[in-house]
Protein backbone atom coordinates (compact mmCIF):
# COMPACT_ATOMS: atom_id res chain seq x y z
CA MET A 1 -115.42 -24.89 -41.97
CA THR A 2 -113.93 -21.64 -41.90
CA ASN A 3 -110.94 -22.33 -40.34
CA VAL A 4 -110.21 -25.44 -42.37
CA ILE A 5 -111.24 -23.02 -45.57
CA ARG A 6 -108.45 -20.35 -44.26
CA ARG A 7 -105.78 -23.45 -43.54
CA GLN A 8 -105.88 -24.52 -46.98
CA LYS A 9 -105.63 -20.92 -48.47
CA HIS A 10 -101.99 -20.00 -46.58
CA PRO A 11 -100.33 -22.94 -48.17
CA VAL A 12 -101.40 -21.27 -51.39
CA LEU A 13 -100.86 -17.82 -50.74
CA VAL A 14 -96.99 -18.67 -49.97
CA ILE A 15 -96.49 -20.72 -52.74
CA LEU A 16 -97.94 -17.63 -55.27
CA LEU A 17 -95.67 -15.89 -53.34
CA ALA A 18 -92.73 -17.93 -54.06
CA ILE A 19 -92.88 -18.25 -57.67
CA PHE A 20 -93.98 -14.60 -57.56
CA PHE A 21 -90.72 -13.95 -56.04
CA TRP A 22 -88.17 -16.57 -58.30
CA PHE A 23 -89.67 -14.69 -61.28
CA SER A 24 -88.68 -11.50 -59.72
CA LEU A 25 -85.24 -12.72 -59.44
CA GLN A 26 -85.00 -13.85 -63.39
CA ALA A 27 -85.90 -10.70 -64.57
CA ILE A 28 -83.36 -8.74 -62.86
CA SER A 29 -80.87 -7.53 -65.85
CA PRO A 30 -78.19 -6.14 -64.36
CA VAL A 31 -78.25 -2.29 -65.61
CA HIS A 32 -77.11 -1.91 -69.58
CA ALA A 33 -74.86 -4.46 -70.15
CA GLU A 34 -76.92 -6.90 -70.68
CA ALA A 35 -79.13 -4.93 -73.43
CA GLU A 36 -78.74 -5.18 -77.23
CA PRO A 37 -76.28 -2.35 -77.94
CA THR A 38 -77.91 0.81 -78.51
CA ASP A 39 -76.97 2.16 -82.52
CA LEU A 40 -74.76 5.93 -82.42
CA THR A 41 -77.32 7.68 -84.63
CA ASN A 42 -74.69 9.39 -86.32
CA VAL A 43 -71.49 7.96 -86.20
CA VAL A 44 -70.73 4.49 -88.52
CA LEU A 45 -67.58 2.43 -89.20
CA VAL A 46 -66.86 2.04 -92.58
CA LYS A 47 -64.69 -1.01 -94.06
CA PHE A 48 -62.59 -0.08 -97.08
CA ALA A 49 -60.67 -2.37 -99.53
CA ALA A 50 -57.66 -2.91 -98.64
CA ASN A 51 -56.23 -0.98 -101.86
CA THR A 52 -57.96 1.87 -101.27
CA THR A 53 -56.08 5.24 -101.09
CA GLU A 54 -56.11 7.74 -98.29
CA ALA A 55 -57.50 10.34 -101.38
CA GLU A 56 -60.85 7.91 -102.30
CA ARG A 57 -61.40 7.43 -98.48
CA ILE A 58 -61.21 11.34 -97.99
CA GLN A 59 -63.84 12.08 -101.07
CA LEU A 60 -66.11 9.72 -100.56
CA VAL A 61 -66.18 10.77 -96.32
CA ASN A 62 -66.34 14.64 -97.89
CA GLU A 63 -69.70 13.55 -100.36
CA MET A 64 -71.36 11.54 -96.76
CA GLY A 65 -70.55 14.91 -95.45
CA GLY A 66 -68.74 13.64 -92.25
CA GLU A 67 -65.80 13.77 -90.85
CA ILE A 68 -63.12 10.95 -90.12
CA VAL A 69 -62.96 10.46 -85.85
CA LEU A 70 -60.73 7.75 -86.11
CA TRP A 71 -58.94 5.25 -88.60
CA LEU A 72 -57.76 2.30 -87.86
CA ASP A 73 -55.38 1.26 -90.30
CA ALA A 74 -54.68 -2.40 -89.48
CA ILE A 75 -58.22 -3.26 -90.52
CA SER A 76 -58.76 -0.37 -93.04
CA THR A 77 -61.77 0.72 -91.36
CA ALA A 78 -62.94 4.34 -90.62
CA GLN A 79 -64.82 5.65 -87.46
CA VAL A 80 -66.90 8.30 -89.42
CA ARG A 81 -69.37 11.01 -87.18
CA LEU A 82 -72.07 12.33 -89.86
CA PRO A 83 -73.78 15.91 -89.40
CA ALA A 84 -77.11 15.44 -87.28
CA ASN A 85 -79.04 16.29 -90.73
CA TRP A 86 -76.66 13.46 -92.59
CA ALA A 87 -80.31 11.23 -94.08
CA ALA A 88 -80.88 14.40 -95.95
CA ALA A 89 -78.64 13.55 -98.84
CA ARG A 90 -76.24 15.01 -101.42
CA GLY A 91 -77.42 14.07 -104.96
CA GLY A 92 -80.48 12.53 -103.51
CA LYS A 93 -78.35 9.69 -101.68
CA ASN A 94 -78.05 9.19 -97.94
CA ALA A 95 -74.72 9.16 -96.61
CA LEU A 96 -75.31 5.73 -95.82
CA THR A 97 -76.38 4.44 -99.31
CA LEU A 98 -73.11 7.15 -100.68
CA ALA A 99 -71.06 4.46 -98.64
CA SER A 100 -72.32 1.09 -99.45
CA GLN A 101 -72.74 1.91 -102.81
CA ASN A 102 -68.83 3.07 -102.88
CA GLN A 103 -66.70 0.56 -105.08
CA PHE A 104 -63.84 0.91 -102.69
CA VAL A 105 -66.00 -0.20 -99.30
CA GLN A 106 -66.93 -3.44 -98.00
CA SER A 107 -68.98 -2.84 -95.49
CA VAL A 108 -71.03 -0.18 -93.71
CA GLN A 109 -72.43 -0.32 -89.64
CA PHE A 110 -73.65 2.02 -87.28
CA ASP A 111 -71.22 2.01 -84.13
CA SER A 112 -73.04 1.63 -81.01
CA VAL A 113 -72.91 2.03 -77.30
CA VAL A 114 -70.78 -0.69 -75.49
CA SER A 115 -71.09 -1.31 -71.80
CA GLY A 116 -68.12 -3.07 -69.27
CA VAL A 117 -70.29 -6.11 -67.71
CA PRO A 118 -71.59 -4.33 -64.87
CA SER A 119 -70.11 -5.99 -60.99
CA ASP A 120 -71.87 -5.87 -57.78
CA GLN A 121 -70.14 -3.65 -55.34
CA ASN A 122 -70.47 -3.20 -51.37
CA LEU A 123 -70.59 -6.64 -50.78
CA MET A 124 -68.90 -7.05 -46.81
CA ASP A 125 -72.19 -8.25 -46.16
CA ALA A 126 -71.65 -10.67 -48.35
CA GLN A 127 -68.48 -11.91 -47.93
CA PRO A 128 -67.26 -15.45 -48.73
CA SER A 129 -67.51 -17.95 -46.22
CA THR A 130 -63.86 -18.73 -44.68
CA SER A 131 -63.80 -22.45 -46.16
CA ASN A 132 -63.65 -23.59 -50.04
CA SER A 133 -62.87 -26.55 -51.75
CA VAL A 134 -59.50 -26.98 -52.40
CA ASN A 135 -57.74 -30.19 -51.82
CA SER A 136 -54.40 -29.71 -53.64
CA THR A 137 -51.97 -32.75 -53.92
CA ILE A 138 -49.19 -30.66 -55.16
CA PRO A 139 -45.77 -32.06 -53.52
CA MET A 140 -44.91 -28.16 -52.84
CA SER A 141 -45.09 -25.62 -50.35
CA PRO A 142 -47.07 -22.34 -51.54
CA MET A 143 -44.46 -19.43 -51.77
CA PRO A 144 -44.44 -17.33 -48.67
CA VAL A 145 -46.19 -13.68 -49.31
CA ASN A 146 -46.09 -10.64 -47.02
CA ASP A 147 -49.65 -9.20 -48.86
CA ALA A 148 -51.20 -7.81 -45.65
CA ASP A 149 -54.79 -8.12 -46.88
CA TYR A 150 -53.94 -11.24 -48.54
CA ILE A 151 -52.84 -12.46 -45.27
CA ASP A 152 -55.75 -10.97 -43.03
CA PRO A 153 -58.58 -13.55 -42.35
CA GLN A 154 -61.02 -10.80 -42.10
CA LYS A 155 -60.42 -9.53 -45.48
CA GLN A 156 -61.26 -13.73 -46.98
CA VAL A 157 -58.66 -13.28 -50.27
CA TYR A 158 -59.51 -16.63 -51.32
CA ALA A 159 -59.55 -17.10 -55.34
CA PRO A 160 -54.99 -17.47 -55.42
CA ASP A 161 -55.33 -20.33 -52.90
CA MET A 162 -58.41 -21.73 -55.04
CA ILE A 163 -56.98 -21.48 -58.58
CA SER A 164 -53.49 -23.19 -56.67
CA LEU A 165 -51.52 -19.65 -57.25
CA ARG A 166 -49.29 -19.30 -54.89
CA THR A 167 -47.56 -22.96 -55.59
CA ALA A 168 -48.10 -22.08 -59.21
CA TRP A 169 -45.58 -19.21 -58.40
CA ASN A 170 -42.79 -22.01 -57.74
CA ASN A 171 -42.10 -21.83 -62.19
CA THR A 172 -43.13 -17.92 -62.40
CA MET A 173 -44.10 -15.30 -60.56
CA GLY A 174 -44.64 -13.43 -64.12
CA SER A 175 -41.93 -11.56 -66.53
CA PRO A 176 -42.22 -7.77 -67.21
CA ASP A 177 -41.67 -8.79 -70.99
CA VAL A 178 -45.43 -10.14 -70.77
CA LYS A 179 -47.79 -7.43 -71.39
CA ILE A 180 -51.16 -7.75 -69.92
CA ALA A 181 -53.38 -4.44 -71.83
CA ILE A 182 -56.37 -4.24 -69.62
CA LEU A 183 -58.89 -2.69 -72.11
CA ASP A 184 -61.56 -0.41 -69.32
CA SER A 185 -62.24 2.61 -67.74
CA GLY A 186 -58.82 2.94 -67.36
CA ILE A 187 -56.34 2.65 -64.17
CA LEU A 188 -55.20 4.22 -61.66
CA ALA A 189 -51.59 3.84 -62.15
CA SER A 190 -50.86 5.58 -59.31
CA HIS A 191 -51.61 2.78 -57.37
CA PRO A 192 -49.11 1.20 -55.20
CA GLU A 193 -50.08 -2.27 -56.25
CA PHE A 194 -48.66 -1.70 -60.17
CA ALA A 195 -45.65 0.50 -59.24
CA GLY A 196 -43.22 0.55 -61.87
CA ARG A 197 -45.12 -1.80 -64.36
CA VAL A 198 -47.50 0.47 -65.82
CA LEU A 199 -46.63 0.95 -69.64
CA PRO A 200 -47.83 3.28 -71.95
CA GLY A 201 -51.69 4.01 -72.88
CA PHE A 202 -54.66 5.57 -74.11
CA ASP A 203 -57.61 6.95 -73.39
CA PHE A 204 -59.72 6.80 -77.08
CA VAL A 205 -63.12 8.30 -75.38
CA ASN A 206 -60.89 11.90 -74.36
CA ASN A 207 -58.56 11.00 -77.26
CA ASP A 208 -55.43 11.52 -75.03
CA ASN A 209 -52.46 9.68 -73.15
CA ASP A 210 -53.76 9.57 -70.03
CA PRO A 211 -56.17 6.40 -69.48
CA ASN A 212 -57.27 7.14 -66.10
CA ASP A 213 -59.98 5.29 -64.49
CA ASP A 214 -62.82 7.74 -63.49
CA TYR A 215 -64.98 4.97 -62.72
CA GLY A 216 -63.04 1.97 -60.75
CA HIS A 217 -64.44 -1.24 -63.01
CA GLY A 218 -60.80 -1.49 -65.27
CA THR A 219 -58.54 -0.62 -61.78
CA HIS A 220 -60.08 -3.60 -60.06
CA VAL A 221 -59.91 -5.96 -63.20
CA ALA A 222 -56.28 -4.78 -63.85
CA GLY A 223 -55.63 -5.47 -59.93
CA ILE A 224 -57.00 -8.90 -60.53
CA ALA A 225 -54.65 -9.69 -63.29
CA ALA A 226 -51.31 -8.26 -61.80
CA ALA A 227 -51.53 -6.23 -58.95
CA GLY A 228 -47.99 -6.76 -57.22
CA ALA A 229 -46.82 -9.67 -54.17
CA ASN A 230 -45.08 -9.78 -51.59
CA ASN A 231 -44.85 -5.82 -51.21
CA GLY A 232 -46.35 -5.66 -47.44
CA ILE A 233 -49.91 -4.40 -48.66
CA GLY A 234 -53.42 -5.39 -50.15
CA MET A 235 -54.16 -8.27 -52.52
CA LEU A 236 -52.45 -10.67 -54.72
CA GLY A 237 -52.66 -10.46 -58.41
CA VAL A 238 -52.07 -13.56 -60.76
CA CYS A 239 -49.22 -12.37 -62.48
CA PRO A 240 -47.32 -9.86 -60.46
CA GLY A 241 -44.14 -9.81 -62.16
CA CYS A 242 -46.15 -8.82 -65.78
CA SER A 243 -46.20 -5.52 -67.10
CA ILE A 244 -49.57 -3.67 -67.76
CA ILE A 245 -50.80 -1.77 -70.76
CA PRO A 246 -53.78 0.19 -69.77
CA VAL A 247 -56.82 1.22 -72.44
CA LYS A 248 -59.46 2.85 -71.79
CA VAL A 249 -62.71 2.50 -73.93
CA LEU A 250 -65.19 3.25 -71.36
CA ASP A 251 -66.07 6.46 -69.32
CA GLN A 252 -67.11 7.77 -66.21
CA TYR A 253 -70.31 5.60 -66.72
CA ASN A 254 -68.70 2.27 -67.80
CA GLN A 255 -69.86 2.80 -71.43
CA GLY A 256 -68.17 3.04 -74.72
CA THR A 257 -68.44 2.67 -78.22
CA TRP A 258 -67.60 -0.64 -80.36
CA GLY A 259 -65.72 1.33 -82.43
CA ASN A 260 -63.25 2.32 -79.44
CA VAL A 261 -62.91 -1.13 -78.45
CA ALA A 262 -61.85 -1.65 -81.90
CA ALA A 263 -59.26 0.66 -82.09
CA GLY A 264 -58.26 -0.40 -78.41
CA ILE A 265 -57.69 -3.92 -79.45
CA LEU A 266 -55.85 -2.20 -82.25
CA PHE A 267 -53.54 -0.84 -80.25
CA ALA A 268 -52.40 -2.91 -77.79
CA VAL A 269 -51.66 -5.46 -80.32
CA ASP A 270 -49.23 -3.12 -81.82
CA ALA A 271 -47.97 -1.80 -77.69
CA GLY A 272 -46.53 -5.56 -78.02
CA ALA A 273 -49.66 -6.98 -75.59
CA ASN A 274 -49.73 -10.44 -75.37
CA VAL A 275 -53.07 -10.81 -73.27
CA ILE A 276 -56.06 -8.62 -73.56
CA ASN A 277 -58.47 -8.43 -71.08
CA LEU A 278 -62.30 -7.51 -72.40
CA SER A 279 -64.34 -7.38 -68.91
CA LEU A 280 -67.20 -5.59 -71.66
CA GLY A 281 -69.46 -6.65 -74.18
CA GLY A 282 -73.06 -7.05 -75.48
CA GLN A 283 -75.13 -9.03 -77.01
CA SER A 284 -74.37 -8.39 -81.15
CA THR A 285 -71.27 -7.21 -81.74
CA ILE A 286 -69.66 -5.08 -85.56
CA GLN A 287 -67.42 -6.70 -88.26
CA ALA A 288 -64.64 -3.75 -86.73
CA VAL A 289 -64.56 -5.75 -83.17
CA GLU A 290 -64.15 -9.23 -85.10
CA ASP A 291 -61.25 -7.90 -87.21
CA ALA A 292 -59.17 -6.34 -84.60
CA ILE A 293 -60.09 -9.42 -82.92
CA ARG A 294 -58.77 -11.52 -85.87
CA TYR A 295 -55.68 -8.81 -86.15
CA ALA A 296 -55.12 -9.93 -82.10
CA ALA A 297 -55.21 -13.93 -82.75
CA GLN A 298 -52.67 -13.30 -85.85
CA HIS A 299 -50.23 -11.93 -83.65
CA ASN A 300 -50.16 -14.75 -81.21
CA VAL A 301 -52.57 -12.48 -78.79
CA VAL A 302 -54.90 -13.86 -76.52
CA VAL A 303 -57.94 -12.14 -76.17
CA VAL A 304 -59.92 -13.02 -72.66
CA ALA A 305 -63.34 -11.90 -72.08
CA ALA A 306 -66.20 -11.90 -69.52
CA VAL A 307 -69.40 -13.94 -70.97
CA GLY A 308 -71.60 -11.49 -69.17
CA ASN A 309 -74.10 -11.06 -65.72
CA GLY A 310 -77.31 -11.73 -67.36
CA ARG A 311 -77.94 -14.96 -66.18
CA SER A 312 -78.85 -16.23 -70.03
CA ASP A 313 -77.86 -18.54 -72.30
CA VAL A 314 -77.95 -15.85 -75.47
CA PRO A 315 -74.41 -15.55 -76.92
CA PHE A 316 -72.54 -13.05 -75.55
CA TYR A 317 -69.74 -10.78 -77.29
CA PRO A 318 -66.63 -10.58 -77.71
CA ALA A 319 -66.37 -13.75 -75.46
CA ALA A 320 -68.73 -15.94 -78.31
CA MET A 321 -66.24 -15.15 -80.85
CA ALA A 322 -64.29 -18.74 -81.40
CA GLU A 323 -60.97 -16.29 -81.27
CA VAL A 324 -61.95 -15.26 -77.86
CA VAL A 325 -61.71 -17.49 -74.69
CA GLY A 326 -65.12 -16.56 -72.61
CA VAL A 327 -64.71 -16.74 -68.96
CA ALA A 328 -67.77 -17.96 -66.36
CA ALA A 329 -67.77 -17.27 -62.54
CA THR A 330 -67.66 -19.08 -59.82
CA ARG A 331 -68.14 -18.72 -56.35
CA ASN A 332 -65.53 -19.53 -52.98
CA ASP A 333 -67.04 -22.90 -52.90
CA ASP A 334 -66.76 -23.50 -56.11
CA THR A 335 -70.42 -23.66 -57.55
CA ARG A 336 -71.34 -20.95 -60.20
CA TRP A 337 -72.29 -17.59 -59.87
CA SER A 338 -75.96 -17.36 -59.63
CA LEU A 339 -75.91 -14.58 -62.35
CA SER A 340 -73.21 -15.78 -64.87
CA ASN A 341 -74.30 -16.41 -68.19
CA TYR A 342 -74.03 -19.82 -69.56
CA GLY A 343 -74.28 -21.29 -73.08
CA SER A 344 -71.86 -23.10 -76.00
CA PHE A 345 -69.58 -19.72 -75.61
CA VAL A 346 -68.24 -20.36 -72.28
CA GLU A 347 -64.88 -21.95 -72.46
CA ILE A 348 -63.38 -21.51 -68.92
CA SER A 349 -64.76 -20.12 -65.30
CA ALA A 350 -62.45 -18.80 -62.76
CA PRO A 351 -63.77 -16.74 -59.15
CA GLY A 352 -65.90 -14.23 -59.14
CA TYR A 353 -67.70 -13.71 -56.45
CA ALA A 354 -66.75 -11.20 -54.01
CA VAL A 355 -63.45 -10.64 -55.07
CA TYR A 356 -61.70 -8.33 -53.51
CA SER A 357 -58.76 -5.75 -55.53
CA THR A 358 -57.90 -3.01 -56.36
CA TYR A 359 -59.73 0.40 -56.73
CA ASN A 360 -59.18 4.15 -58.17
CA ASP A 361 -59.57 5.45 -54.76
CA LEU A 362 -56.99 5.56 -52.52
CA ASN A 363 -59.49 7.00 -50.01
CA ASN A 364 -62.24 4.82 -49.79
CA THR A 365 -63.16 1.79 -47.26
CA TYR A 366 -60.33 -0.19 -47.94
CA SER A 367 -57.76 2.32 -48.63
CA GLY A 368 -57.87 1.33 -52.33
CA TYR A 369 -59.68 -2.26 -52.54
CA ASN A 370 -62.55 -3.37 -53.13
CA TYR A 371 -65.20 -6.00 -53.62
CA MET A 372 -66.78 -7.09 -56.25
CA SER A 373 -68.30 -9.62 -58.25
CA GLY A 374 -69.08 -10.88 -61.95
CA THR A 375 -67.70 -12.55 -64.86
CA SER A 376 -65.51 -9.51 -65.15
CA MET A 377 -64.19 -10.56 -62.31
CA ALA A 378 -63.61 -13.61 -63.39
CA ALA A 379 -62.37 -12.74 -67.06
CA PRO A 380 -58.64 -11.47 -66.16
CA HIS A 381 -58.06 -14.09 -63.27
CA VAL A 382 -57.81 -16.29 -67.15
CA ALA A 383 -55.67 -13.53 -68.53
CA GLY A 384 -52.80 -13.44 -65.60
CA LEU A 385 -53.16 -17.25 -65.83
CA ALA A 386 -52.30 -16.69 -69.90
CA GLY A 387 -49.39 -14.05 -68.41
CA LEU A 388 -47.54 -16.93 -66.20
CA LEU A 389 -47.71 -19.00 -69.43
CA PHE A 390 -46.47 -17.06 -71.80
CA SER A 391 -43.51 -15.84 -68.98
CA GLN A 392 -42.83 -19.62 -68.50
CA ASN A 393 -42.44 -20.40 -72.53
CA PRO A 394 -42.51 -17.13 -74.78
CA GLU A 395 -42.57 -19.56 -77.39
CA LEU A 396 -46.01 -20.41 -76.46
CA THR A 397 -49.06 -20.10 -79.54
CA VAL A 398 -52.15 -18.84 -78.63
CA GLU A 399 -53.72 -21.89 -78.75
CA ALA A 400 -51.39 -24.10 -77.41
CA LEU A 401 -51.82 -22.16 -74.41
CA ARG A 402 -55.67 -22.07 -74.33
CA ALA A 403 -55.37 -25.54 -74.59
CA LEU A 404 -53.33 -26.05 -71.29
CA MET A 405 -55.81 -23.76 -69.73
CA ARG A 406 -58.63 -26.08 -70.31
CA SER A 407 -56.65 -29.53 -70.33
CA THR A 408 -55.26 -28.57 -66.43
CA ALA A 409 -58.88 -27.20 -65.16
CA THR A 410 -60.70 -28.21 -62.17
CA ASP A 411 -63.63 -30.20 -63.69
CA LEU A 412 -66.92 -28.94 -62.02
CA GLY A 413 -70.18 -29.70 -62.93
CA ASP A 414 -71.02 -32.35 -65.58
CA PRO A 415 -68.33 -34.59 -66.55
CA GLY A 416 -65.91 -32.89 -68.95
CA TRP A 417 -67.06 -29.74 -70.63
CA ASP A 418 -70.69 -28.01 -69.66
CA VAL A 419 -72.63 -24.60 -70.65
CA TYR A 420 -72.26 -23.66 -66.87
CA PHE A 421 -68.39 -23.86 -66.52
CA GLY A 422 -66.94 -25.09 -69.46
CA HIS A 423 -63.82 -27.29 -69.20
CA GLY A 424 -63.62 -26.15 -65.57
CA ARG A 425 -62.14 -23.48 -63.04
CA ILE A 426 -58.66 -22.44 -63.92
CA ASN A 427 -56.10 -24.77 -61.77
CA ALA A 428 -52.70 -21.88 -62.45
CA PHE A 429 -50.55 -24.43 -60.85
CA ALA A 430 -51.80 -27.46 -63.23
CA ALA A 431 -51.21 -25.63 -65.98
CA LEU A 432 -47.97 -24.24 -65.02
CA ASP A 433 -46.98 -27.66 -64.33
CA ALA A 434 -48.18 -29.25 -67.33
CA GLY A 435 -46.94 -26.79 -69.61
CA ALA A 436 -43.25 -26.70 -68.35
CA PRO A 437 -40.44 -27.35 -70.85
CA VAL A 438 -39.51 -31.05 -70.69
CA LEU A 439 -35.77 -31.18 -69.38
CA SER A 440 -33.04 -33.22 -69.24
CA PRO A 441 -30.10 -33.60 -66.53
CA ASP A 442 -27.57 -32.55 -69.25
CA ALA A 443 -25.94 -29.93 -67.20
CA SER A 444 -22.91 -30.25 -65.17
CA VAL A 445 -20.58 -28.42 -62.81
CA SER A 446 -16.83 -28.92 -62.62
CA GLY A 447 -13.74 -27.01 -60.80
CA ASN A 448 -10.16 -27.79 -59.28
CA ILE A 449 -8.80 -28.48 -55.99
CA TRP A 450 -5.22 -26.30 -55.18
CA GLN A 451 -2.49 -26.36 -52.40
CA ASP A 452 -2.90 -23.30 -50.92
CA ASP A 453 0.71 -23.22 -49.28
CA ASN A 454 0.39 -19.79 -47.84
CA VAL A 455 -3.40 -20.44 -46.84
CA ASN A 456 -4.61 -16.51 -48.32
CA GLY A 457 -7.47 -18.22 -50.57
CA GLN A 458 -5.67 -17.38 -53.46
CA TRP A 459 -4.40 -19.36 -56.20
CA GLU A 460 -1.18 -18.09 -56.95
CA GLN A 461 1.23 -19.66 -59.44
CA GLU A 462 3.51 -21.68 -58.32
CA GLU A 463 0.40 -23.13 -55.88
CA ARG A 464 -0.25 -27.30 -57.69
CA MET A 465 -3.22 -28.75 -57.83
CA THR A 466 -4.18 -31.69 -55.59
CA SER A 467 -6.34 -34.44 -54.27
CA ALA A 468 -7.07 -33.28 -51.05
CA ALA A 469 -9.38 -35.33 -48.98
CA LEU A 470 -12.75 -33.63 -50.08
CA THR A 471 -16.52 -34.37 -51.28
CA ILE A 472 -17.94 -32.48 -53.63
CA GLN A 473 -22.06 -32.37 -52.94
CA VAL A 474 -24.93 -30.79 -55.62
CA ARG A 475 -27.73 -29.29 -53.15
CA ASP A 476 -31.17 -27.86 -54.27
CA THR A 477 -32.50 -24.53 -53.15
CA ASN A 478 -34.31 -26.84 -49.66
CA GLY A 479 -30.41 -28.09 -49.17
CA ALA A 480 -30.68 -31.67 -49.91
CA LYS A 481 -28.24 -33.56 -51.70
CA VAL A 482 -28.72 -34.16 -56.05
CA ALA A 483 -24.99 -35.55 -56.43
CA GLU A 484 -21.72 -35.93 -55.02
CA GLY A 485 -17.95 -36.31 -56.30
CA GLN A 486 -14.37 -36.46 -55.49
CA PRO A 487 -11.76 -34.83 -57.11
CA ASN A 488 -9.52 -37.24 -58.72
CA ALA A 489 -5.66 -37.34 -58.75
CA ALA A 490 -4.57 -34.41 -60.12
CA GLY A 491 -6.81 -32.73 -58.32
CA GLN A 492 -9.82 -32.32 -60.65
CA TRP A 493 -13.27 -32.61 -60.44
CA ARG A 494 -16.79 -32.63 -62.46
CA ILE A 495 -20.72 -33.74 -61.93
CA ASP A 496 -22.60 -34.46 -64.78
CA ASN A 497 -26.36 -35.59 -65.35
CA LEU A 498 -27.59 -32.37 -63.62
CA TYR A 499 -31.22 -30.72 -64.45
CA PRO A 500 -31.18 -27.13 -65.34
CA GLY A 501 -32.01 -25.63 -61.92
CA THR A 502 -30.25 -23.35 -59.58
CA TYR A 503 -28.16 -25.55 -57.19
CA GLN A 504 -25.32 -24.95 -54.59
CA VAL A 505 -22.17 -26.55 -54.88
CA VAL A 506 -20.45 -27.22 -51.23
CA ALA A 507 -17.33 -28.62 -50.48
CA ILE A 508 -17.12 -30.85 -47.35
CA ALA A 509 -13.73 -30.94 -45.83
CA LEU A 510 -12.72 -34.69 -44.63
CA GLY A 511 -9.77 -35.67 -42.25
CA ASN A 512 -6.95 -33.31 -41.59
CA THR A 513 -7.90 -31.23 -44.46
CA ARG A 514 -8.93 -27.97 -44.28
CA LEU A 515 -10.49 -24.84 -46.38
CA THR A 516 -8.95 -21.94 -47.35
CA THR A 517 -11.87 -20.66 -49.30
CA ASN A 518 -15.38 -20.33 -48.90
CA ASN A 519 -16.85 -23.49 -48.94
CA SER A 520 -19.93 -22.90 -51.40
CA TYR A 521 -20.96 -21.90 -54.87
CA THR A 522 -24.66 -20.65 -56.14
CA VAL A 523 -24.81 -21.84 -59.56
CA GLN A 524 -27.94 -21.37 -62.73
CA LEU A 525 -27.31 -24.45 -64.55
CA GLN A 526 -28.73 -23.86 -68.07
CA SER A 527 -29.52 -27.07 -70.33
CA GLY A 528 -26.72 -28.65 -72.31
CA GLN A 529 -24.23 -26.45 -70.50
CA GLU A 530 -21.30 -27.28 -68.22
CA THR A 531 -20.68 -24.54 -65.50
CA SER A 532 -16.87 -24.48 -64.43
CA GLY A 533 -14.17 -22.76 -62.74
CA LEU A 534 -15.71 -24.00 -59.41
CA ASN A 535 -12.57 -23.63 -57.24
CA PHE A 536 -11.22 -24.58 -53.69
CA GLY A 537 -8.22 -23.44 -52.01
CA ALA A 538 -7.34 -26.54 -49.14
CA VAL A 539 -4.22 -27.24 -46.77
CA GLU A 540 -3.79 -30.30 -44.75
CA SER A 541 -3.42 -29.82 -40.97
CA LEU A 542 -0.50 -32.00 -39.55
CA SER A 543 -1.36 -33.20 -35.74
CA PHE A 544 1.52 -33.42 -33.88
CA GLN A 545 2.22 -35.38 -30.53
CA VAL A 546 4.59 -34.06 -28.40
CA TYR A 547 6.07 -36.63 -25.68
CA ILE A 548 6.92 -35.39 -22.47
CA PRO A 549 8.87 -37.83 -20.13
CA ALA A 550 8.34 -38.38 -16.54
CA ILE A 551 10.41 -37.10 -14.56
CA GLN A 552 11.38 -38.70 -11.39
CA ARG A 553 12.82 -36.99 -8.28
CA THR A 554 15.98 -38.40 -6.97
CA GLN A 555 17.61 -38.74 -3.53
């Protein structure tokens, strides 16, 4: 009987332990970023009416006993530091009451702490498997690359292939005129992956012009969005041709203030950013950040943000704002990364598990690279794709760009939009292919054939045009024939109905004709334009038969 009872208790114990373990997993709170932001006890953000004069602002701040730390002109907001005893008011009113009752003030809020979305590092023991679910039917060859760690199967850099990045690059690898602002812990600008593409930025933590990364998060994020390609080292950024604006709003502990985030957004917009990446956030925000993001939207700047790593459906800001692309994280097998937040604020998803990217320590285990996981890593994949789309078509509106990314995403989870993947995991090639301008076959090439009498390859005044036996072929970049034609009786030739693009125009000599010039031109055809002056020199080689009579011996 005793043995029977023991056999019954063991399964119960196992079940209880399993339940306890499951609940312990659900209770994981990835550090501080998922908690409610902590108010700063003596820093407030005062939003003034747009027509308030500087003198009127200064007068109020003096009455509050404070000082203006930062003035955000675009949104008429002052970050004000109050004295430690600010509640002991002048004239019987404390500083907040004075501000809220002032005729020029629209709102006053405590500034609060915001954190970068925490990420898991040191993931070599949890690297992705070598298999993935890419089933591309795109009839294009991936662009060849020589980036050492991407090529190395031991590094398992899977994300570029998962989002069809190298086939997308057949459209564009990004333009330096397109600027991606990384609002984070800064960037190691001297990292070789960013050579020549880091623009002047700002450090709102230390209030200087050196947004150096003293934590590592920002450099990792920047590499995912825009690390170099075909430079023989490291991994691949999504938009390797784009420029980078580093904006430091998080400190060496990966923390900052909402006021500085708002200031960073305004700085990025005014610096000409096309894309802003925010791998940071919390469960609430403040008026200044909302105003700054709306300012970005008014200037056609797309704002991309991580949805958070709390395994929660509580709205996470700024990703939950309507003007922001909220990005969830997927794994290397196109399943949901388990800690990714979910809910109505998820617009799209991207790889976020065990992502290999740049790091701020060039002497670490991977010589300036590292693995991290999180929605922080997913967001810059989307920011990089936005950079490619703006590079392809600078006239895109933010809403059109977002619609392209949504409509071309690879659907995961439940059919259509769902709370875990949004509209799906981004597909870079599908987005660029859908966004490519509609082209018309309205370009042409033309030229002349001349009789090169002195065979010197130079068309001289006395040398006439000729209808030599030539065929003119137009070939694409792979060498395939697109069209062909022959010169007319006057030695002129022309080929119409060509699509814009890069071609090789080749002259093929027939019969006894011999070319005296190079036999080809490489041309870049623009829509609706004729590329003329593609001339070839030729001569006709005459063949002679020498008659030698037979000589017979005489007697």
